[in-house]
Amino acid sequence: SGGILTMLENAGDTHVAAQNQVIAGSSG
């Protein structure tokens, strides 16, 4: 068997909050 499955849904307003990050190296 073979076919196509479709889905329609509503995500609302979903987001990932900001997480400020520091990229560190040997000089800071």
mmCIF file of all heavy atoms, coordinates in Angstrom:
data_MODEL
# 
_entry.id   MODEL 
# 
loop_
_atom_site.group_PDB 
_atom_site.id 
_atom_site.type_symbol 
_atom_site.label_atom_id 
_atom_site.label_alt_id 
_atom_site.label_comp_id 
_atom_site.label_asym_id 
_atom_site.label_entity_id 
_atom_site.label_seq_id 
_atom_site.pdbx_PDB_ins_code 
_atom_site.Cartn_x 
_atom_site.Cartn_y 
_atom_site.Cartn_z 
_atom_site.occupancy 
_atom_site.B_iso_or_equiv 
_atom_site.pdbx_formal_charge 
_atom_site.auth_seq_id 
_atom_site.auth_comp_id 
_atom_site.auth_asym_id 
_atom_site.auth_atom_id 
_atom_site.pdbx_PDB_model_num 
ATOM 1   N N   . SER A 1 1  ? 0.830  -1.199 0.000  1.00 0.00 ? 1  SER A N   1 
ATOM 2   C CA  . SER A 1 1  ? 0.000  0.000  0.000  1.00 0.00 ? 1  SER A CA  1 
ATOM 3   C C   . SER A 1 1  ? 0.867  1.253  0.000  1.00 0.00 ? 1  SER A C   1 
ATOM 4   O O   . SER A 1 1  ? 1.990  1.248  0.492  1.00 0.00 ? 1  SER A O   1 
ATOM 5   C CB  . SER A 1 1  ? -0.951 0.001  1.196  1.00 0.00 ? 1  SER A CB  1 
ATOM 6   O OG  . SER A 1 1  ? -0.247 -0.139 2.400  1.00 0.00 ? 1  SER A OG  1 
ATOM 7   N N   . GLY A 1 2  ? 0.330  2.304  -0.558 1.00 0.00 ? 2  GLY A N   1 
ATOM 8   C CA  . GLY A 1 2  ? 0.987  3.600  -0.578 1.00 0.00 ? 2  GLY A CA  1 
ATOM 9   C C   . GLY A 1 2  ? -0.074 4.678  -0.582 1.00 0.00 ? 2  GLY A C   1 
ATOM 10  O O   . GLY A 1 2  ? -1.199 4.451  -1.029 1.00 0.00 ? 2  GLY A O   1 
ATOM 11  N N   . GLY A 1 3  ? 0.283  5.826  -0.058 1.00 0.00 ? 3  GLY A N   1 
ATOM 12  C CA  . GLY A 1 3  ? -0.706 6.891  -0.022 1.00 0.00 ? 3  GLY A CA  1 
ATOM 13  C C   . GLY A 1 3  ? -0.142 8.195  0.477  1.00 0.00 ? 3  GLY A C   1 
ATOM 14  O O   . GLY A 1 3  ? 1.060  8.356  0.651  1.00 0.00 ? 3  GLY A O   1 
ATOM 15  N N   . ILE A 1 4  ? -1.051 9.108  0.728  1.00 0.00 ? 4  ILE A N   1 
ATOM 16  C CA  . ILE A 1 4  ? -0.707 10.438 1.236  1.00 0.00 ? 4  ILE A CA  1 
ATOM 17  C C   . ILE A 1 4  ? -1.599 10.728 2.437  1.00 0.00 ? 4  ILE A C   1 
ATOM 18  O O   . ILE A 1 4  ? -2.822 10.619 2.352  1.00 0.00 ? 4  ILE A O   1 
ATOM 19  C CB  . ILE A 1 4  ? -0.902 11.512 0.159  1.00 0.00 ? 4  ILE A CB  1 
ATOM 20  C CG1 . ILE A 1 4  ? 0.058  11.269 -0.992 1.00 0.00 ? 4  ILE A CG1 1 
ATOM 21  C CG2 . ILE A 1 4  ? -0.712 12.895 0.735  1.00 0.00 ? 4  ILE A CG2 1 
ATOM 22  C CD1 . ILE A 1 4  ? -0.068 12.244 -2.128 1.00 0.00 ? 4  ILE A CD1 1 
ATOM 23  N N   . LEU A 1 5  ? -0.965 11.084 3.532  1.00 0.00 ? 5  LEU A N   1 
ATOM 24  C CA  . LEU A 1 5  ? -1.669 11.444 4.756  1.00 0.00 ? 5  LEU A CA  1 
ATOM 25  C C   . LEU A 1 5  ? -1.527 12.947 4.944  1.00 0.00 ? 5  LEU A C   1 
ATOM 26  O O   . LEU A 1 5  ? -0.421 13.484 4.831  1.00 0.00 ? 5  LEU A O   1 
ATOM 27  C CB  . LEU A 1 5  ? -1.066 10.710 5.948  1.00 0.00 ? 5  LEU A CB  1 
ATOM 28  C CG  . LEU A 1 5  ? -1.688 10.976 7.304  1.00 0.00 ? 5  LEU A CG  1 
ATOM 29  C CD1 . LEU A 1 5  ? -3.105 10.416 7.356  1.00 0.00 ? 5  LEU A CD1 1 
ATOM 30  C CD2 . LEU A 1 5  ? -0.848 10.350 8.402  1.00 0.00 ? 5  LEU A CD2 1 
ATOM 31  N N   . THR A 1 6  ? -2.630 13.647 5.189  1.00 0.00 ? 6  THR A N   1 
ATOM 32  C CA  . THR A 1 6  ? -2.595 15.089 5.419  1.00 0.00 ? 6  THR A CA  1 
ATOM 33  C C   . THR A 1 6  ? -3.218 15.420 6.763  1.00 0.00 ? 6  THR A C   1 
ATOM 34  O O   . THR A 1 6  ? -4.085 14.692 7.251  1.00 0.00 ? 6  THR A O   1 
ATOM 35  C CB  . THR A 1 6  ? -3.351 15.859 4.315  1.00 0.00 ? 6  THR A CB  1 
ATOM 36  O OG1 . THR A 1 6  ? -4.716 15.458 4.330  1.00 0.00 ? 6  THR A OG1 1 
ATOM 37  C CG2 . THR A 1 6  ? -2.745 15.600 2.957  1.00 0.00 ? 6  THR A CG2 1 
ATOM 38  N N   . MET A 1 7  ? -2.746 16.512 7.358  1.00 0.00 ? 7  MET A N   1 
ATOM 39  C CA  . MET A 1 7  ? -3.274 16.930 8.650  1.00 0.00 ? 7  MET A CA  1 
ATOM 40  C C   . MET A 1 7  ? -3.289 18.452 8.700  1.00 0.00 ? 7  MET A C   1 
ATOM 41  O O   . MET A 1 7  ? -2.315 19.109 8.319  1.00 0.00 ? 7  MET A O   1 
ATOM 42  C CB  . MET A 1 7  ? -2.408 16.384 9.779  1.00 0.00 ? 7  MET A CB  1 
ATOM 43  C CG  . MET A 1 7  ? -2.903 16.778 11.146 1.00 0.00 ? 7  MET A CG  1 
ATOM 44  S SD  . MET A 1 7  ? -1.954 16.051 12.485 1.00 0.00 ? 7  MET A SD  1 
ATOM 45  C CE  . MET A 1 7  ? -0.358 16.804 12.234 1.00 0.00 ? 7  MET A CE  1 
ATOM 46  N N   . LEU A 1 8  ? -4.382 19.012 9.169  1.00 0.00 ? 8  LEU A N   1 
ATOM 47  C CA  . LEU A 1 8  ? -4.529 20.453 9.366  1.00 0.00 ? 8  LEU A CA  1 
ATOM 48  C C   . LEU A 1 8  ? -4.799 20.681 10.843 1.00 0.00 ? 8  LEU A C   1 
ATOM 49  O O   . LEU A 1 8  ? -5.708 20.073 11.409 1.00 0.00 ? 8  LEU A O   1 
ATOM 50  C CB  . LEU A 1 8  ? -5.691 20.991 8.519  1.00 0.00 ? 8  LEU A CB  1 
ATOM 51  C CG  . LEU A 1 8  ? -6.037 22.458 8.688  1.00 0.00 ? 8  LEU A CG  1 
ATOM 52  C CD1 . LEU A 1 8  ? -4.898 23.339 8.189  1.00 0.00 ? 8  LEU A CD1 1 
ATOM 53  C CD2 . LEU A 1 8  ? -7.317 22.787 7.953  1.00 0.00 ? 8  LEU A CD2 1 
ATOM 54  N N   . GLU A 1 9  ? -3.980 21.542 11.472 1.00 0.00 ? 9  GLU A N   1 
ATOM 55  C CA  . GLU A 1 9  ? -4.167 21.838 12.898 1.00 0.00 ? 9  GLU A CA  1 
ATOM 56  C C   . GLU A 1 9  ? -3.765 23.273 13.171 1.00 0.00 ? 9  GLU A C   1 
ATOM 57  O O   . GLU A 1 9  ? -3.229 23.940 12.298 1.00 0.00 ? 9  GLU A O   1 
ATOM 58  C CB  . GLU A 1 9  ? -3.376 20.844 13.764 1.00 0.00 ? 9  GLU A CB  1 
ATOM 59  C CG  . GLU A 1 9  ? -1.915 20.711 13.419 1.00 0.00 ? 9  GLU A CG  1 
ATOM 60  C CD  . GLU A 1 9  ? -0.993 21.473 14.349 1.00 0.00 ? 9  GLU A CD  1 
ATOM 61  O OE1 . GLU A 1 9  ? -1.478 22.147 15.255 1.00 0.00 ? 9  GLU A OE1 1 
ATOM 62  O OE2 . GLU A 1 9  ? 0.209  21.393 14.144 1.00 0.00 ? 9  GLU A OE2 1 
ATOM 63  N N   . ASN A 1 10 ? -4.030 23.751 14.390 1.00 0.00 ? 10 ASN A N   1 
ATOM 64  C CA  . ASN A 1 10 ? -3.735 25.127 14.746 1.00 0.00 ? 10 ASN A CA  1 
ATOM 65  C C   . ASN A 1 10 ? -2.778 25.156 15.930 1.00 0.00 ? 10 ASN A C   1 
ATOM 66  O O   . ASN A 1 10 ? -3.110 24.672 17.007 1.00 0.00 ? 10 ASN A O   1 
ATOM 67  C CB  . ASN A 1 10 ? -5.022 25.865 15.088 1.00 0.00 ? 10 ASN A CB  1 
ATOM 68  C CG  . ASN A 1 10 ? -4.786 27.342 15.324 1.00 0.00 ? 10 ASN A CG  1 
ATOM 69  O OD1 . ASN A 1 10 ? -3.657 27.824 15.289 1.00 0.00 ? 10 ASN A OD1 1 
ATOM 70  N ND2 . ASN A 1 10 ? -5.847 28.069 15.572 1.00 0.00 ? 10 ASN A ND2 1 
ATOM 71  N N   . ALA A 1 11 ? -1.599 25.738 15.724 1.00 0.00 ? 11 ALA A N   1 
ATOM 72  C CA  . ALA A 1 11 ? -0.578 25.791 16.776 1.00 0.00 ? 11 ALA A CA  1 
ATOM 73  C C   . ALA A 1 11 ? -0.783 26.954 17.730 1.00 0.00 ? 11 ALA A C   1 
ATOM 74  O O   . ALA A 1 11 ? -0.090 27.055 18.735 1.00 0.00 ? 11 ALA A O   1 
ATOM 75  C CB  . ALA A 1 11 ? 0.801  25.894 16.137 1.00 0.00 ? 11 ALA A CB  1 
ATOM 76  N N   . GLY A 1 12 ? -1.705 27.853 17.426 1.00 0.00 ? 12 GLY A N   1 
ATOM 77  C CA  . GLY A 1 12 ? -1.876 29.034 18.272 1.00 0.00 ? 12 GLY A CA  1 
ATOM 78  C C   . GLY A 1 12 ? -0.674 29.952 18.104 1.00 0.00 ? 12 GLY A C   1 
ATOM 79  O O   . GLY A 1 12 ? -0.230 30.222 17.004 1.00 0.00 ? 12 GLY A O   1 
ATOM 80  N N   . ASP A 1 13 ? -0.089 30.408 19.210 1.00 0.00 ? 13 ASP A N   1 
ATOM 81  C CA  . ASP A 1 13 ? 1.090  31.271 19.181 1.00 0.00 ? 13 ASP A CA  1 
ATOM 82  C C   . ASP A 1 13 ? 2.147  30.646 20.075 1.00 0.00 ? 13 ASP A C   1 
ATOM 83  O O   . ASP A 1 13 ? 2.266  30.978 21.249 1.00 0.00 ? 13 ASP A O   1 
ATOM 84  C CB  . ASP A 1 13 ? 0.722  32.675 19.666 1.00 0.00 ? 13 ASP A CB  1 
ATOM 85  C CG  . ASP A 1 13 ? 1.867  33.652 19.527 1.00 0.00 ? 13 ASP A CG  1 
ATOM 86  O OD1 . ASP A 1 13 ? 2.803  33.364 18.766 1.00 0.00 ? 13 ASP A OD1 1 
ATOM 87  O OD2 . ASP A 1 13 ? 1.825  34.698 20.194 1.00 0.00 ? 13 ASP A OD2 1 
ATOM 88  N N   . THR A 1 14 ? 2.918  29.726 19.542 1.00 0.00 ? 14 THR A N   1 
ATOM 89  C CA  . THR A 1 14 ? 3.911  28.980 20.302 1.00 0.00 ? 14 THR A CA  1 
ATOM 90  C C   . THR A 1 14 ? 5.298  29.511 19.974 1.00 0.00 ? 14 THR A C   1 
ATOM 91  O O   . THR A 1 14 ? 5.679  29.567 18.813 1.00 0.00 ? 14 THR A O   1 
ATOM 92  C CB  . THR A 1 14 ? 3.832  27.482 19.924 1.00 0.00 ? 14 THR A CB  1 
ATOM 93  O OG1 . THR A 1 14 ? 2.488  27.055 20.072 1.00 0.00 ? 14 THR A OG1 1 
ATOM 94  C CG2 . THR A 1 14 ? 4.721  26.655 20.814 1.00 0.00 ? 14 THR A CG2 1 
ATOM 95  N N   . HIS A 1 15 ? 6.048  29.928 20.988 1.00 0.00 ? 15 HIS A N   1 
ATOM 96  C CA  . HIS A 1 15 ? 7.393  30.442 20.734 1.00 0.00 ? 15 HIS A CA  1 
ATOM 97  C C   . HIS A 1 15 ? 8.351  30.030 21.841 1.00 0.00 ? 15 HIS A C   1 
ATOM 98  O O   . HIS A 1 15 ? 7.942  29.690 22.938 1.00 0.00 ? 15 HIS A O   1 
ATOM 99  C CB  . HIS A 1 15 ? 7.388  31.962 20.562 1.00 0.00 ? 15 HIS A CB  1 
ATOM 100 C CG  . HIS A 1 15 ? 7.053  32.691 21.823 1.00 0.00 ? 15 HIS A CG  1 
ATOM 101 N ND1 . HIS A 1 15 ? 5.773  32.891 22.240 1.00 0.00 ? 15 HIS A ND1 1 
ATOM 102 C CD2 . HIS A 1 15 ? 7.850  33.246 22.767 1.00 0.00 ? 15 HIS A CD2 1 
ATOM 103 C CE1 . HIS A 1 15 ? 5.776  33.548 23.382 1.00 0.00 ? 15 HIS A CE1 1 
ATOM 104 N NE2 . HIS A 1 15 ? 7.020  33.772 23.718 1.00 0.00 ? 15 HIS A NE2 1 
ATOM 105 N N   . VAL A 1 16 ? 9.634  30.053 21.501 1.00 0.00 ? 16 VAL A N   1 
ATOM 106 C CA  . VAL A 1 16 ? 10.706 29.769 22.452 1.00 0.00 ? 16 VAL A CA  1 
ATOM 107 C C   . VAL A 1 16 ? 11.240 31.110 22.935 1.00 0.00 ? 16 VAL A C   1 
ATOM 108 O O   . VAL A 1 16 ? 11.598 31.961 22.125 1.00 0.00 ? 16 VAL A O   1 
ATOM 109 C CB  . VAL A 1 16 ? 11.837 28.949 21.781 1.00 0.00 ? 16 VAL A CB  1 
ATOM 110 C CG1 . VAL A 1 16 ? 13.024 28.809 22.707 1.00 0.00 ? 16 VAL A CG1 1 
ATOM 111 C CG2 . VAL A 1 16 ? 11.323 27.592 21.358 1.00 0.00 ? 16 VAL A CG2 1 
ATOM 112 N N   . ALA A 1 17 ? 11.278 31.304 24.251 1.00 0.00 ? 17 ALA A N   1 
ATOM 113 C CA  . ALA A 1 17 ? 11.733 32.571 24.815 1.00 0.00 ? 17 ALA A CA  1 
ATOM 114 C C   . ALA A 1 17 ? 13.236 32.758 24.604 1.00 0.00 ? 17 ALA A C   1 
ATOM 115 O O   . ALA A 1 17 ? 13.990 31.792 24.481 1.00 0.00 ? 17 ALA A O   1 
ATOM 116 C CB  . ALA A 1 17 ? 11.408 32.621 26.302 1.00 0.00 ? 17 ALA A CB  1 
ATOM 117 N N   . ALA A 1 18 ? 13.661 34.015 24.580 1.00 0.00 ? 18 ALA A N   1 
ATOM 118 C CA  . ALA A 1 18 ? 15.074 34.346 24.396 1.00 0.00 ? 18 ALA A CA  1 
ATOM 119 C C   . ALA A 1 18 ? 15.890 33.855 25.582 1.00 0.00 ? 18 ALA A C   1 
ATOM 120 O O   . ALA A 1 18 ? 15.470 33.947 26.730 1.00 0.00 ? 18 ALA A O   1 
ATOM 121 C CB  . ALA A 1 18 ? 15.234 35.848 24.247 1.00 0.00 ? 18 ALA A CB  1 
ATOM 122 N N   . GLN A 1 19 ? 17.058 33.311 25.278 1.00 0.00 ? 19 GLN A N   1 
ATOM 123 C CA  . GLN A 1 19 ? 18.011 32.906 26.308 1.00 0.00 ? 19 GLN A CA  1 
ATOM 124 C C   . GLN A 1 19 ? 19.365 33.447 25.871 1.00 0.00 ? 19 GLN A C   1 
ATOM 125 O O   . GLN A 1 19 ? 20.086 32.802 25.116 1.00 0.00 ? 19 GLN A O   1 
ATOM 126 C CB  . GLN A 1 19 ? 18.072 31.378 26.428 1.00 0.00 ? 19 GLN A CB  1 
ATOM 127 C CG  . GLN A 1 19 ? 16.762 30.766 26.864 1.00 0.00 ? 19 GLN A CG  1 
ATOM 128 C CD  . GLN A 1 19 ? 16.830 29.247 26.861 1.00 0.00 ? 19 GLN A CD  1 
ATOM 129 O OE1 . GLN A 1 19 ? 17.834 28.648 26.529 1.00 0.00 ? 19 GLN A OE1 1 
ATOM 130 N NE2 . GLN A 1 19 ? 15.744 28.630 27.251 1.00 0.00 ? 19 GLN A NE2 1 
ATOM 131 N N   . ASN A 1 20 ? 19.706 34.658 26.320 1.00 0.00 ? 20 ASN A N   1 
ATOM 132 C CA  . ASN A 1 20 ? 20.985 35.240 25.913 1.00 0.00 ? 20 ASN A CA  1 
ATOM 133 C C   . ASN A 1 20 ? 22.116 34.332 26.341 1.00 0.00 ? 20 ASN A C   1 
ATOM 134 O O   . ASN A 1 20 ? 22.098 33.743 27.407 1.00 0.00 ? 20 ASN A O   1 
ATOM 135 C CB  . ASN A 1 20 ? 21.152 36.633 26.515 1.00 0.00 ? 20 ASN A CB  1 
ATOM 136 C CG  . ASN A 1 20 ? 20.263 37.630 25.821 1.00 0.00 ? 20 ASN A CG  1 
ATOM 137 O OD1 . ASN A 1 20 ? 20.017 37.529 24.633 1.00 0.00 ? 20 ASN A OD1 1 
ATOM 138 N ND2 . ASN A 1 20 ? 19.768 38.597 26.581 1.00 0.00 ? 20 ASN A ND2 1 
ATOM 139 N N   . GLN A 1 21 ? 23.123 34.216 25.489 1.00 0.00 ? 21 GLN A N   1 
ATOM 140 C CA  . GLN A 1 21 ? 24.189 33.258 25.663 1.00 0.00 ? 21 GLN A CA  1 
ATOM 141 C C   . GLN A 1 21 ? 25.526 33.975 25.523 1.00 0.00 ? 21 GLN A C   1 
ATOM 142 O O   . GLN A 1 21 ? 25.622 34.990 24.847 1.00 0.00 ? 21 GLN A O   1 
ATOM 143 C CB  . GLN A 1 21 ? 24.043 32.178 24.588 1.00 0.00 ? 21 GLN A CB  1 
ATOM 144 C CG  . GLN A 1 21 ? 25.065 31.098 24.617 1.00 0.00 ? 21 GLN A CG  1 
ATOM 145 C CD  . GLN A 1 21 ? 24.883 30.151 23.439 1.00 0.00 ? 21 GLN A CD  1 
ATOM 146 O OE1 . GLN A 1 21 ? 24.156 30.455 22.498 1.00 0.00 ? 21 GLN A OE1 1 
ATOM 147 N NE2 . GLN A 1 21 ? 25.528 29.034 23.477 1.00 0.00 ? 21 GLN A NE2 1 
ATOM 148 N N   . VAL A 1 22 ? 26.554 33.435 26.153 1.00 0.00 ? 22 VAL A N   1 
ATOM 149 C CA  . VAL A 1 22 ? 27.905 33.976 26.011 1.00 0.00 ? 22 VAL A CA  1 
ATOM 150 C C   . VAL A 1 22 ? 28.755 32.928 25.317 1.00 0.00 ? 22 VAL A C   1 
ATOM 151 O O   . VAL A 1 22 ? 28.793 31.772 25.736 1.00 0.00 ? 22 VAL A O   1 
ATOM 152 C CB  . VAL A 1 22 ? 28.514 34.337 27.381 1.00 0.00 ? 22 VAL A CB  1 
ATOM 153 C CG1 . VAL A 1 22 ? 29.969 34.748 27.238 1.00 0.00 ? 22 VAL A CG1 1 
ATOM 154 C CG2 . VAL A 1 22 ? 27.709 35.442 28.036 1.00 0.00 ? 22 VAL A CG2 1 
ATOM 155 N N   . ILE A 1 23 ? 29.416 33.313 24.226 1.00 0.00 ? 23 ILE A N   1 
ATOM 156 C CA  . ILE A 1 23 ? 30.357 32.427 23.556 1.00 0.00 ? 23 ILE A CA  1 
ATOM 157 C C   . ILE A 1 23 ? 31.724 32.731 24.146 1.00 0.00 ? 23 ILE A C   1 
ATOM 158 O O   . ILE A 1 23 ? 32.244 33.829 23.995 1.00 0.00 ? 23 ILE A O   1 
ATOM 159 C CB  . ILE A 1 23 ? 30.374 32.663 22.032 1.00 0.00 ? 23 ILE A CB  1 
ATOM 160 C CG1 . ILE A 1 23 ? 29.007 32.331 21.443 1.00 0.00 ? 23 ILE A CG1 1 
ATOM 161 C CG2 . ILE A 1 23 ? 31.441 31.804 21.372 1.00 0.00 ? 23 ILE A CG2 1 
ATOM 162 C CD1 . ILE A 1 23 ? 28.920 32.530 19.957 1.00 0.00 ? 23 ILE A CD1 1 
ATOM 163 N N   . ALA A 1 24 ? 32.306 31.761 24.848 1.00 0.00 ? 24 ALA A N   1 
ATOM 164 C CA  . ALA A 1 24 ? 33.569 31.978 25.561 1.00 0.00 ? 24 ALA A CA  1 
ATOM 165 C C   . ALA A 1 24 ? 34.727 31.363 24.802 1.00 0.00 ? 24 ALA A C   1 
ATOM 166 O O   . ALA A 1 24 ? 34.586 30.351 24.127 1.00 0.00 ? 24 ALA A O   1 
ATOM 167 C CB  . ALA A 1 24 ? 33.485 31.388 26.957 1.00 0.00 ? 24 ALA A CB  1 
ATOM 168 N N   . GLY A 1 25 ? 35.863 31.974 24.931 1.00 0.00 ? 25 GLY A N   1 
ATOM 169 C CA  . GLY A 1 25 ? 37.105 31.464 24.362 1.00 0.00 ? 25 GLY A CA  1 
ATOM 170 C C   . GLY A 1 25 ? 38.237 31.702 25.355 1.00 0.00 ? 25 GLY A C   1 
ATOM 171 O O   . GLY A 1 25 ? 38.016 32.168 26.477 1.00 0.00 ? 25 GLY A O   1 
ATOM 172 N N   . SER A 1 26 ? 39.456 31.437 24.956 1.00 0.00 ? 26 SER A N   1 
ATOM 173 C CA  . SER A 1 26 ? 40.598 31.609 25.857 1.00 0.00 ? 26 SER A CA  1 
ATOM 174 C C   . SER A 1 26 ? 40.832 33.081 26.214 1.00 0.00 ? 26 SER A C   1 
ATOM 175 O O   . SER A 1 26 ? 41.398 33.390 27.249 1.00 0.00 ? 26 SER A O   1 
ATOM 176 C CB  . SER A 1 26 ? 41.855 31.011 25.231 1.00 0.00 ? 26 SER A CB  1 
ATOM 177 O OG  . SER A 1 26 ? 42.113 31.634 23.984 1.00 0.00 ? 26 SER A OG  1 
ATOM 178 N N   . SER A 1 27 ? 40.384 33.990 25.357 1.00 0.00 ? 27 SER A N   1 
ATOM 179 C CA  . SER A 1 27 ? 40.590 35.418 25.627 1.00 0.00 ? 27 SER A CA  1 
ATOM 180 C C   . SER A 1 27 ? 39.358 36.082 26.232 1.00 0.00 ? 27 SER A C   1 
ATOM 181 O O   . SER A 1 27 ? 39.273 37.297 26.265 1.00 0.00 ? 27 SER A O   1 
ATOM 182 C CB  . SER A 1 27 ? 40.976 36.131 24.331 1.00 0.00 ? 27 SER A CB  1 
ATOM 183 O OG  . SER A 1 27 ? 39.921 36.002 23.394 1.00 0.00 ? 27 SER A OG  1 
ATOM 184 N N   . GLY A 1 28 ? 38.373 35.316 26.694 1.00 0.00 ? 28 GLY A N   1 
ATOM 185 C CA  . GLY A 1 28 ? 37.179 35.889 27.302 1.00 0.00 ? 28 GLY A CA  1 
ATOM 186 C C   . GLY A 1 28 ? 35.931 35.497 26.548 1.00 0.00 ? 28 GLY A C   1 
ATOM 187 O O   . GLY A 1 28 ? 35.961 34.656 25.657 1.00 0.00 ? 28 GLY A O   1 
# 
